[in-house]
C-alpha atoms as a PDB file:
ATOM      1  CA  UNK A   1       6.186   5.419  16.503  1.00  0.00           C
ATOM      2  CA  UNK A   2       9.615   4.137  17.398  1.00  0.00           C
ATOM      3  CA  UNK A   3      12.022   6.056  19.623  1.00  0.00           C
ATOM      4  CA  UNK A   4      15.742   6.129  18.908  1.00  0.00           C
ATOM      5  CA  UNK A   5      18.618   7.893  20.663  1.00  0.00           C
ATOM      6  CA  UNK A   6      21.249   9.743  18.662  1.00  0.00           C
ATOM      7  CA  UNK A   7      23.882  11.633  20.565  1.00  0.00           C
ATOM      8  CA  UNK A   8      22.194  13.028  23.650  1.00  0.00           C
ATOM      9  CA  UNK A   9      18.708  13.354  22.210  1.00  0.00           C
ATOM     10  CA  UNK A  10      15.726  11.076  21.622  1.00  0.00           C
ATOM     11  CA  UNK A  11      13.902  11.078  18.299  1.00  0.00           C
ATOM     12  CA  UNK A  12      10.697   9.482  17.023  1.00  0.00           C
ATOM     13  CA  UNK A  13      10.549   7.750  13.645  1.00  0.00           C
ATOM     14  CA  UNK A  14       7.855   5.640  11.977  1.00  0.00           C
ATOM     15  CA  UNK A  15       7.771   2.022  13.093  1.00  0.00           C
ATOM     16  CA  UNK A  16       5.395   0.730  10.430  1.00  0.00           C
ATOM     17  CA  UNK A  17       3.945   1.615   7.038  1.00  0.00           C
ATOM     18  CA  UNK A  18       0.789   3.046   8.600  1.00  0.00           C
ATOM     19  CA  UNK A  19       2.805   5.436  10.792  1.00  0.00           C
ATOM     20  CA  UNK A  20       4.463   7.089   7.799  1.00  0.00           C
ATOM     21  CA  UNK A  21       3.039  10.394   6.628  1.00  0.00           C
ATOM     22  CA  UNK A  22       1.925  11.007   3.066  1.00  0.00           C
ATOM     23  CA  UNK A  23       5.041  13.126   2.508  1.00  0.00           C
ATOM     24  CA  UNK A  24       7.337  10.399   3.840  1.00  0.00           C
ATOM     25  CA  UNK A  25       5.666   7.794   1.638  1.00  0.00           C
ATOM     26  CA  UNK A  26       6.037  10.023  -1.413  1.00  0.00           C
ATOM     27  CA  UNK A  27       9.725  10.514  -0.618  1.00  0.00           C
ATOM     28  CA  UNK A  28      10.112   6.733  -0.468  1.00  0.00           C
ATOM     29  CA  UNK A  29       8.361   6.395  -3.827  1.00  0.00           C
ATOM     30  CA  UNK A  30      10.707   8.986  -5.289  1.00  0.00           C
ATOM     31  CA  UNK A  31      13.979   7.444  -4.089  1.00  0.00           C
ATOM     32  CA  UNK A  32      12.849   4.010  -5.276  1.00  0.00           C
ATOM     33  CA  UNK A  33      13.075   5.375  -8.816  1.00  0.00           C
ATOM     34  CA  UNK A  34      16.821   5.935  -8.251  1.00  0.00           C
ATOM     35  CA  UNK A  35      19.541   3.312  -8.355  1.00  0.00           C
ATOM     36  CA  UNK A  36      19.710   2.791  -4.586  1.00  0.00           C
ATOM     37  CA  UNK A  37      20.282  -0.331  -2.530  1.00  0.00           C
ATOM     38  CA  UNK A  38      17.930  -1.296   0.304  1.00  0.00           C
ATOM     39  CA  UNK A  39      20.411  -0.113   3.000  1.00  0.00           C
ATOM     40  CA  UNK A  40      20.801   3.216   1.187  1.00  0.00           C
ATOM     41  CA  UNK A  41      17.034   3.653   0.999  1.00  0.00           C
ATOM     42  CA  UNK A  42      16.670   2.939   4.717  1.00  0.00           C
ATOM     43  CA  UNK A  43      19.329   5.506   5.531  1.00  0.00           C
ATOM     44  CA  UNK A  44      17.793   8.132   3.237  1.00  0.00           C
ATOM     45  CA  UNK A  45      14.400   7.558   4.886  1.00  0.00           C
ATOM     46  CA  UNK A  46      15.946   7.965   8.340  1.00  0.00           C
ATOM     47  CA  UNK A  47      17.611  11.248   7.416  1.00  0.00           C
ATOM     48  CA  UNK A  48      14.452  12.550   5.724  1.00  0.00           C
ATOM     49  CA  UNK A  49      12.213  11.713   8.688  1.00  0.00           C
ATOM     50  CA  UNK A  50      14.630  13.423  11.078  1.00  0.00           C
ATOM     51  CA  UNK A  51      15.206  16.461   8.806  1.00  0.00           C
ATOM     52  CA  UNK A  52      18.915  15.687   8.952  1.00  0.00           C
ATOM     53  CA  UNK A  53      21.785  16.296   6.538  1.00  0.00           C
ATOM     54  CA  UNK A  54      24.908  14.188   6.257  1.00  0.00           C
ATOM     55  CA  UNK A  55      28.498  14.811   5.216  1.00  0.00           C
ATOM     56  CA  UNK A  56      31.395  12.397   5.145  1.00  0.00           C
ATOM     57  CA  UNK A  57      34.676  13.357   6.789  1.00  0.00           C
ATOM     58  CA  UNK A  58      38.067  11.757   7.303  1.00  0.00           C
ATOM     59  CA  UNK A  59      39.614  12.223  10.712  1.00  0.00           C
ATOM     60  CA  UNK A  60      42.743  10.982  12.407  1.00  0.00           C
ATOM     61  CA  UNK A  61      40.740   8.432  14.392  1.00  0.00           C
ATOM     62  CA  UNK A  62      39.002   7.075  11.294  1.00  0.00           C
ATOM     63  CA  UNK A  63      36.399   7.898   8.682  1.00  0.00           C
ATOM     64  CA  UNK A  64      32.928   8.859   9.734  1.00  0.00           C
ATOM     65  CA  UNK A  65      29.935  11.059   9.119  1.00  0.00           C
ATOM     66  CA  UNK A  66      28.802  14.405  10.401  1.00  0.00           C
ATOM     67  CA  UNK A  67      25.023  14.282  10.762  1.00  0.00           C
ATOM     68  CA  UNK A  68      23.395  17.682  11.183  1.00  0.00           C
ATOM     69  CA  UNK A  69      19.993  17.760  12.859  1.00  0.00           C
ATOM     70  CA  UNK A  70      17.924  20.951  13.266  1.00  0.00           C
ATOM     71  CA  UNK A  71      19.351  21.556  16.740  1.00  0.00           C
ATOM     72  CA  UNK A  72      22.571  19.528  16.949  1.00  0.00           C
ATOM     73  CA  UNK A  73      25.356  17.933  14.911  1.00  0.00           C
ATOM     74  CA  UNK A  74      26.536  14.413  15.743  1.00  0.00           C
ATOM     75  CA  UNK A  75      29.617  12.529  14.585  1.00  0.00           C
ATOM     76  CA  UNK A  76      28.854   8.895  13.750  1.00  0.00           C
ATOM     77  CA  UNK A  77      30.991   5.991  12.612  1.00  0.00           C
ATOM     78  CA  UNK A  78      29.864   4.075   9.501  1.00  0.00           C
ATOM     79  CA  UNK A  79      28.711   1.065  11.523  1.00  0.00           C
ATOM     80  CA  UNK A  80      26.666   3.331  13.822  1.00  0.00           C
ATOM     81  CA  UNK A  81      24.944   4.911  10.848  1.00  0.00           C
ATOM     82  CA  UNK A  82      24.192   1.494   9.350  1.00  0.00           C
ATOM     83  CA  UNK A  83      22.703   0.326  12.651  1.00  0.00           C
ATOM     84  CA  UNK A  84      20.394   3.351  12.777  1.00  0.00           C
ATOM     85  CA  UNK A  85      19.119   2.485   9.319  1.00  0.00           C
ATOM     86  CA  UNK A  86      17.826  -0.819  10.674  1.00  0.00           C
ATOM     87  CA  UNK A  87      14.802   1.018  12.132  1.00  0.00           C
ATOM     88  CA  UNK A  88      13.381   0.959   8.599  1.00  0.00           C
ATOM     89  CA  UNK A  89      13.791  -2.794   8.150  1.00  0.00           C
ATOM     90  CA  UNK A  90       9.980  -3.033   8.011  1.00  0.00           C
ATOM     91  CA  UNK A  91      10.065  -1.548   4.516  1.00  0.00           C
ATOM     92  CA  UNK A  92      11.612  -4.660   2.989  1.00  0.00           C
ATOM     93  CA  UNK A  93      11.448  -8.422   3.098  1.00  0.00           C
ATOM     94  CA  UNK A  94      14.184 -10.794   1.962  1.00  0.00           C
ATOM     95  CA  UNK A  95      13.369 -12.985  -1.050  1.00  0.00           C
ATOM     96  CA  UNK A  96      15.305 -15.291  -3.372  1.00  0.00           C
ATOM     97  CA  UNK A  97      15.669 -12.267  -5.668  1.00  0.00           C
ATOM     98  CA  UNK A  98      16.956 -10.042  -2.871  1.00  0.00           C
ATOM     99  CA  UNK A  99      15.187  -7.381  -0.754  1.00  0.00           C
ATOM    100  CA  UNK A 100      11.720  -6.423  -1.976  1.00  0.00           C
ATOM    101  CA  UNK A 101       9.182  -3.932  -0.656  1.00  0.00           C
ATOM    102  CA  UNK A 102       7.032  -5.440   2.087  1.00  0.00           C
ATOM    103  CA  UNK A 103       3.965  -3.254   1.550  1.00  0.00           C
ATOM    104  CA  UNK A 104       1.609  -3.254   4.545  1.00  0.00           C
ATOM    105  CA  UNK A 105      -0.057   0.117   4.055  1.00  0.00           C
ATOM    106  CA  UNK A 106      -3.766   0.007   4.952  1.00  0.00           C
ATOM    107  CA  UNK A 107      -4.214   3.616   6.079  1.00  0.00           C
ATOM    108  CA  UNK A 108      -5.250   5.799   3.163  1.00  0.00           C
ATOM    109  CA  UNK A 109      -2.609   8.580   3.022  1.00  0.00           C
ATOM    110  CA  UNK A 110      -4.773  10.608   0.648  1.00  0.00           C
ATOM    111  CA  UNK A 111      -8.430  10.495   1.773  1.00  0.00           C
ATOM    112  CA  UNK A 112      -8.606  13.929   0.130  1.00  0.00           C
ATOM    113  CA  UNK A 113      -6.138  14.989  -2.548  1.00  0.00           C
ATOM    114  CA  UNK A 114      -6.022  18.411  -4.160  1.00  0.00           C
ATOM    115  CA  UNK A 115      -4.673  18.252  -7.698  1.00  0.00           C
ATOM    116  CA  UNK A 116      -4.160  21.290  -9.879  1.00  0.00           C
ATOM    117  CA  UNK A 117      -7.598  20.925 -11.419  1.00  0.00           C
ATOM    118  CA  UNK A 118      -9.878  19.147  -8.913  1.00  0.00           C
ATOM    119  CA  UNK A 119     -10.446  17.555  -5.521  1.00  0.00           C
ATOM    120  CA  UNK A 120     -10.145  13.776  -5.362  1.00  0.00           C
ATOM    121  CA  UNK A 121     -11.871  11.900  -2.524  1.00  0.00           C
ATOM    122  CA  UNK A 122     -10.659   8.397  -1.717  1.00  0.00           C
ATOM    123  CA  UNK A 123     -11.968   5.389   0.215  1.00  0.00           C
ATOM    124  CA  UNK A 124     -11.723   4.629   3.914  1.00  0.00           C
ATOM    125  CA  UNK A 125      -8.781   2.767   5.413  1.00  0.00           C
ATOM    126  CA  UNK A 126      -8.356  -0.840   4.225  1.00  0.00           C
ATOM    127  CA  UNK A 127     -10.931  -0.296   1.431  1.00  0.00           C
ATOM    128  CA  UNK A 128     -13.730  -0.906   3.933  1.00  0.00           C
ATOM    129  CA  UNK A 129     -16.317   1.183   2.066  1.00  0.00           C
ATOM    130  CA  UNK A 130     -15.763   0.206  -1.580  1.00  0.00           C
ATOM    131  CA  UNK A 131     -18.324  -1.890  -3.447  1.00  0.00           C
ATOM    132  CA  UNK A 132     -17.921  -5.352  -4.880  1.00  0.00           C
ATOM    133  CA  UNK A 133     -18.363  -3.806  -8.326  1.00  0.00           C
ATOM    134  CA  UNK A 134     -15.401  -1.504  -7.697  1.00  0.00           C
ATOM    135  CA  UNK A 135     -13.379  -4.515  -6.595  1.00  0.00           C
ATOM    136  CA  UNK A 136     -14.091  -6.234  -9.915  1.00  0.00           C
ATOM    137  CA  UNK A 137     -13.097  -3.142 -11.871  1.00  0.00           C
ATOM    138  CA  UNK A 138      -9.881  -2.727  -9.866  1.00  0.00           C
ATOM    139  CA  UNK A 139      -8.876  -6.304 -10.589  1.00  0.00           C
ATOM    140  CA  UNK A 140      -9.548  -5.804 -14.282  1.00  0.00           C
ATOM    141  CA  UNK A 141      -7.329  -2.732 -14.529  1.00  0.00           C
ATOM    142  CA  UNK A 142      -4.651  -4.334 -12.364  1.00  0.00           C
ATOM    143  CA  UNK A 143      -4.263  -7.095 -14.947  1.00  0.00           C
ATOM    144  CA  UNK A 144      -3.781  -4.489 -17.663  1.00  0.00           C
ATOM    145  CA  UNK A 145      -0.777  -3.098 -15.763  1.00  0.00           C
ATOM    146  CA  UNK A 146       1.315  -5.976 -17.100  1.00  0.00           C
ATOM    147  CA  UNK A 147       0.989  -4.487 -20.584  1.00  0.00           C
ATOM    148  CA  UNK A 148       0.853  -0.703 -20.029  1.00  0.00           C
ATOM    149  CA  UNK A 149       1.350   0.213 -16.385  1.00  0.00           C
ATOM    150  CA  UNK A 150       0.922   3.986 -16.605  1.00  0.00           C
ATOM    151  CA  UNK A 151      -2.259   3.900 -18.701  1.00  0.00           C
ATOM    152  CA  UNK A 152      -3.768   1.173 -16.559  1.00  0.00           C
ATOM    153  CA  UNK A 153      -2.855   3.001 -13.325  1.00  0.00           C
ATOM    154  CA  UNK A 154      -4.538   6.207 -14.532  1.00  0.00           C
ATOM    155  CA  UNK A 155      -7.702   4.185 -15.160  1.00  0.00           C
ATOM    156  CA  UNK A 156      -7.319   2.131 -11.983  1.00  0.00           C
ATOM    157  CA  UNK A 157      -7.138   4.997  -9.493  1.00  0.00           C
ATOM    158  CA  UNK A 158     -10.383   6.824 -10.452  1.00  0.00           C
ATOM    159  CA  UNK A 159     -12.286   3.627  -9.655  1.00  0.00           C
ATOM    160  CA  UNK A 160     -11.801   4.474  -5.957  1.00  0.00           C
ATOM    161  CA  UNK A 161     -10.782   8.158  -5.970  1.00  0.00           C
ATOM    162  CA  UNK A 162     -13.784  10.245  -6.955  1.00  0.00           C
ATOM    163  CA  UNK A 163     -14.567  13.796  -7.966  1.00  0.00           C
ATOM    164  CA  UNK A 164     -15.018  15.795  -4.712  1.00  0.00           C
ATOM    165  CA  UNK A 165     -17.007  13.134  -2.801  1.00  0.00           C
ATOM    166  CA  UNK A 166     -16.332   9.403  -2.532  1.00  0.00           C
ATOM    167  CA  UNK A 167     -19.012   7.125  -4.008  1.00  0.00           C
ATOM    168  CA  UNK A 168     -19.221   3.414  -4.787  1.00  0.00           C
ATOM    169  CA  UNK A 169     -19.695   4.123  -8.478  1.00  0.00           C
ATOM    170  CA  UNK A 170     -17.344   2.235 -10.791  1.00  0.00           C
ATOM    171  CA  UNK A 171     -17.174   5.209 -13.167  1.00  0.00           C
ATOM    172  CA  UNK A 172     -14.179   7.512 -13.307  1.00  0.00           C
ATOM    173  CA  UNK A 173     -11.983   9.323 -15.809  1.00  0.00           C
ATOM    174  CA  UNK A 174      -8.291   8.679 -16.388  1.00  0.00           C
ATOM    175  CA  UNK A 175      -7.949  12.407 -17.112  1.00  0.00           C
ATOM    176  CA  UNK A 176      -8.433  13.111 -13.406  1.00  0.00           C
ATOM    177  CA  UNK A 177      -4.935  11.770 -12.740  1.00  0.00           C
ATOM    178  CA  UNK A 178      -3.008  13.290 -15.617  1.00  0.00           C
ATOM    179  CA  UNK A 179      -1.682  16.127 -13.448  1.00  0.00           C
ATOM    180  CA  UNK A 180      -1.211  14.076 -10.255  1.00  0.00           C
ATOM    181  CA  UNK A 181       2.394  13.662  -9.121  1.00  0.00           C
ATOM    182  CA  UNK A 182       3.732  10.185 -10.073  1.00  0.00           C
ATOM    183  CA  UNK A 183       4.934   9.611  -6.499  1.00  0.00           C
ATOM    184  CA  UNK A 184       1.416  10.279  -5.194  1.00  0.00           C
ATOM    185  CA  UNK A 185      -0.046   7.781  -7.660  1.00  0.00           C
ATOM    186  CA  UNK A 186       2.522   5.211  -6.573  1.00  0.00           C
ATOM    187  CA  UNK A 187       1.593   5.682  -2.909  1.00  0.00           C
ATOM    188  CA  UNK A 188      -2.109   5.407  -3.740  1.00  0.00           C
ATOM    189  CA  UNK A 189      -1.394   2.095  -5.442  1.00  0.00           C
ATOM    190  CA  UNK A 190       0.630   0.923  -2.442  1.00  0.00           C
ATOM    191  CA  UNK A 191      -2.397   1.649  -0.281  1.00  0.00           C
ATOM    192  CA  UNK A 192      -4.466  -0.653  -2.496  1.00  0.00           C
ATOM    193  CA  UNK A 193      -1.815  -3.410  -2.391  1.00  0.00           C
ATOM    194  CA  UNK A 194      -1.473  -3.192   1.381  1.00  0.00           C
ATOM    195  CA  UNK A 195      -5.242  -3.211   1.839  1.00  0.00           C
ATOM    196  CA  UNK A 196      -5.621  -6.232  -0.435  1.00  0.00           C
ATOM    197  CA  UNK A 197      -2.975  -8.037   1.587  1.00  0.00           C
ATOM    198  CA  UNK A 198      -4.979  -7.281   4.738  1.00  0.00           C
ATOM    199  CA  UNK A 199      -8.207  -8.458   3.070  1.00  0.00           C
ATOM    200  CA  UNK A 200      -6.608 -11.690   1.863  1.00  0.00           C
ATOM    201  CA  UNK A 201      -5.437 -12.454   5.396  1.00  0.00           C
ATOM    202  CA  UNK A 202      -8.857 -11.579   6.824  1.00  0.00           C
ATOM    203  CA  UNK A 203     -10.685 -13.939   4.450  1.00  0.00           C
ATOM    204  CA  UNK A 204      -8.317 -16.922   4.110  1.00  0.00           C
ATOM    205  CA  UNK A 205     -10.899 -19.276   2.608  1.00  0.00           C
ATOM    206  CA  UNK A 206     -11.789 -16.832  -0.152  1.00  0.00           C
ATOM    207  CA  UNK A 207      -8.090 -16.167  -0.857  1.00  0.00           C
ATOM    208  CA  UNK A 208      -6.380 -19.493  -0.046  1.00  0.00           C
ATOM    209  CA  UNK A 209      -3.123 -18.330  -1.629  1.00  0.00           C
ATOM    210  CA  UNK A 210      -2.957 -15.236   0.607  1.00  0.00           C
ATOM    211  CA  UNK A 211      -0.848 -12.416  -0.749  1.00  0.00           C
ATOM    212  CA  UNK A 212       0.765 -14.856  -3.192  1.00  0.00           C
ATOM    213  CA  UNK A 213      -2.517 -15.660  -4.948  1.00  0.00           C
ATOM    214  CA  UNK A 214      -2.228 -14.955  -8.656  1.00  0.00           C
ATOM    215  CA  UNK A 215      -4.685 -12.838 -10.606  1.00  0.00           C
ATOM    216  CA  UNK A 216      -6.258 -15.833 -12.326  1.00  0.00           C
ATOM    217  CA  UNK A 217      -7.951 -16.885  -9.094  1.00  0.00           C
ATOM    218  CA  UNK A 218      -9.936 -13.636  -8.990  1.00  0.00           C
ATOM    219  CA  UNK A 219     -12.320 -14.697 -11.762  1.00  0.00           C
ATOM    220  CA  UNK A 220     -13.338 -17.770  -9.777  1.00  0.00           C
ATOM    221  CA  UNK A 221     -13.720 -15.693  -6.605  1.00  0.00           C
ATOM    222  CA  UNK A 222     -15.904 -13.153  -8.405  1.00  0.00           C
ATOM    223  CA  UNK A 223     -18.210 -15.825  -9.825  1.00  0.00           C
ATOM    224  CA  UNK A 224     -18.554 -17.600  -6.489  1.00  0.00           C
ATOM    225  CA  UNK A 225     -19.477 -14.348  -4.767  1.00  0.00           C
ATOM    226  CA  UNK A 226     -22.149 -13.626  -7.374  1.00  0.00           C
ATOM    227  CA  UNK A 227     -23.588 -17.148  -7.149  1.00  0.00           C
ATOM    228  CA  UNK A 228     -23.626 -17.111  -3.353  1.00  0.00           C
ATOM    229  CA  UNK A 229     -25.142 -13.657  -2.883  1.00  0.00           C
ATOM    230  CA  UNK A 230     -27.582 -13.873  -5.798  1.00  0.00           C
ATOM    231  CA  UNK A 231     -28.614 -17.438  -4.909  1.00  0.00           C
ATOM    232  CA  UNK A 232     -28.411 -18.349  -8.577  1.00  0.00           C
ATOM    233  CA  UNK A 233     -30.769 -15.536  -9.642  1.00  0.00           C
ATOM    234  CA  UNK A 234     -29.078 -13.762 -12.561  1.00  0.00           C
ATOM    235  CA  UNK A 235     -31.452 -10.812 -12.173  1.00  0.00           C
ATOM    236  CA  UNK A 236     -29.732  -9.966  -8.890  1.00  0.00           C
ATOM    237  CA  UNK A 237     -26.264  -9.702 -10.424  1.00  0.00           C
ATOM    238  CA  UNK A 238     -26.285  -5.896 -10.542  1.00  0.00           C
ATOM    239  CA  UNK A 239     -27.549  -5.763  -6.970  1.00  0.00           C
ATOM    240  CA  UNK A 240     -24.640  -7.940  -5.891  1.00  0.00           C
ATOM    241  CA  UNK A 241     -22.179  -5.537  -7.532  1.00  0.00           C
ATOM    242  CA  UNK A 242     -23.582  -2.697  -5.412  1.00  0.00           C
ATOM    243  CA  UNK A 243     -22.924  -4.632  -2.189  1.00  0.00           C
ATOM    244  CA  UNK A 244     -19.990  -3.550  -0.053  1.00  0.00           C
ATOM    245  CA  UNK A 245     -16.887  -5.620  -0.743  1.00  0.00           C
ATOM    246  CA  UNK A 246     -16.481  -6.748   2.867  1.00  0.00           C
ATOM    247  CA  UNK A 247     -20.112  -7.901   2.998  1.00  0.00           C
ATOM    248  CA  UNK A 248     -19.634  -9.932  -0.179  1.00  0.00           C
ATOM    249  CA  UNK A 249     -16.402 -11.506   1.024  1.00  0.00           C
ATOM    250  CA  UNK A 250     -17.876 -12.277   4.454  1.00  0.00           C
ATOM    251  CA  UNK A 251     -20.866 -14.003   2.823  1.00  0.00           C
ATOM    252  CA  UNK A 252     -18.597 -16.186   0.706  1.00  0.00           C
ATOM    253  CA  UNK A 253     -16.219 -16.893   3.605  1.00  0.00           C
ATOM    254  CA  UNK A 254     -19.117 -18.127   5.766  1.00  0.00           C
ATOM    255  CA  UNK A 255     -20.516 -20.214   2.901  1.00  0.00           C
ATOM    256  CA  UNK A 256     -17.149 -21.879   2.384  1.00  0.00           C
ATOM    257  CA  UNK A 257     -16.835 -22.533   6.111  1.00  0.00           C
ATOM    258  CA  UNK A 258     -20.269 -24.202   6.094  1.00  0.00           C
ATOM    259  CA  UNK A 259     -19.207 -26.347   3.130  1.00  0.00           C
ATOM    260  CA  UNK A 260     -16.082 -27.429   4.993  1.00  0.00           C
ATOM    261  CA  UNK A 261     -18.089 -28.443   8.055  1.00  0.00           C
ATOM    262  CA  UNK A 262     -20.577 -30.348   5.892  1.00  0.00           C
ATOM    263  CA  UNK A 263     -17.799 -32.268   4.173  1.00  0.00           C
ATOM    264  CA  UNK A 264     -16.148 -33.116   7.486  1.00  0.00           C
ATOM    265  CA  UNK A 265     -19.477 -34.404   8.769  1.00  0.00           C
ATOM    266  CA  UNK A 266     -19.947 -36.786   5.842  1.00  0.00           C
END
């Protein structure tokens, strides 16, 4: 957590994606659906995390803002308020198209989620306990998001959020997520994106493009994992799919490292 001083008091605010609570992440997902600029979003997140309310006033010594906290009210100038918003710079990264979300969420905010109709149990942090088969299914549904995001997302999430108890089964029903708040589903998807970014950085040979690798590379990665772990035996394909994702990626990463050393030795 990051400490900031406002007025005469010290406050703690999140300093990274993984330090944000599920409620804070859902609030972020909600305000992103509004027509807000990146600075406005940072300021709204600051006020939400501090349970503060803001009002603009005009005084003889200049315009400013009255910021009411639970136990004090502070008068701030516009530039002071803007500076405070910088604590949430980690949410965005600058691109040629302007600020974009810099998703680095690897902590599962919803290991257990209670919907109106059922209990949904999700994977461990950074997707460390999902199977290779689930990974394949996730990639398949992620591609479908280009055509029908909502339908694909409702089929994507039950691949790794299960009925009551988490399993490595690829089965799941889109109906499980029909009554789940859209902001919650967005945060769940962010968790996947952040975890995949972490995985791509952890296995750079398997994902040479890093977080910029396009979806087309996944087919080649999947086939190479199967070939490496099954040693060319097609009868072992199903067994490979039941392997943990990290085990499969580690096997391929080591195989590619051996190939590199062999080529350098030639």
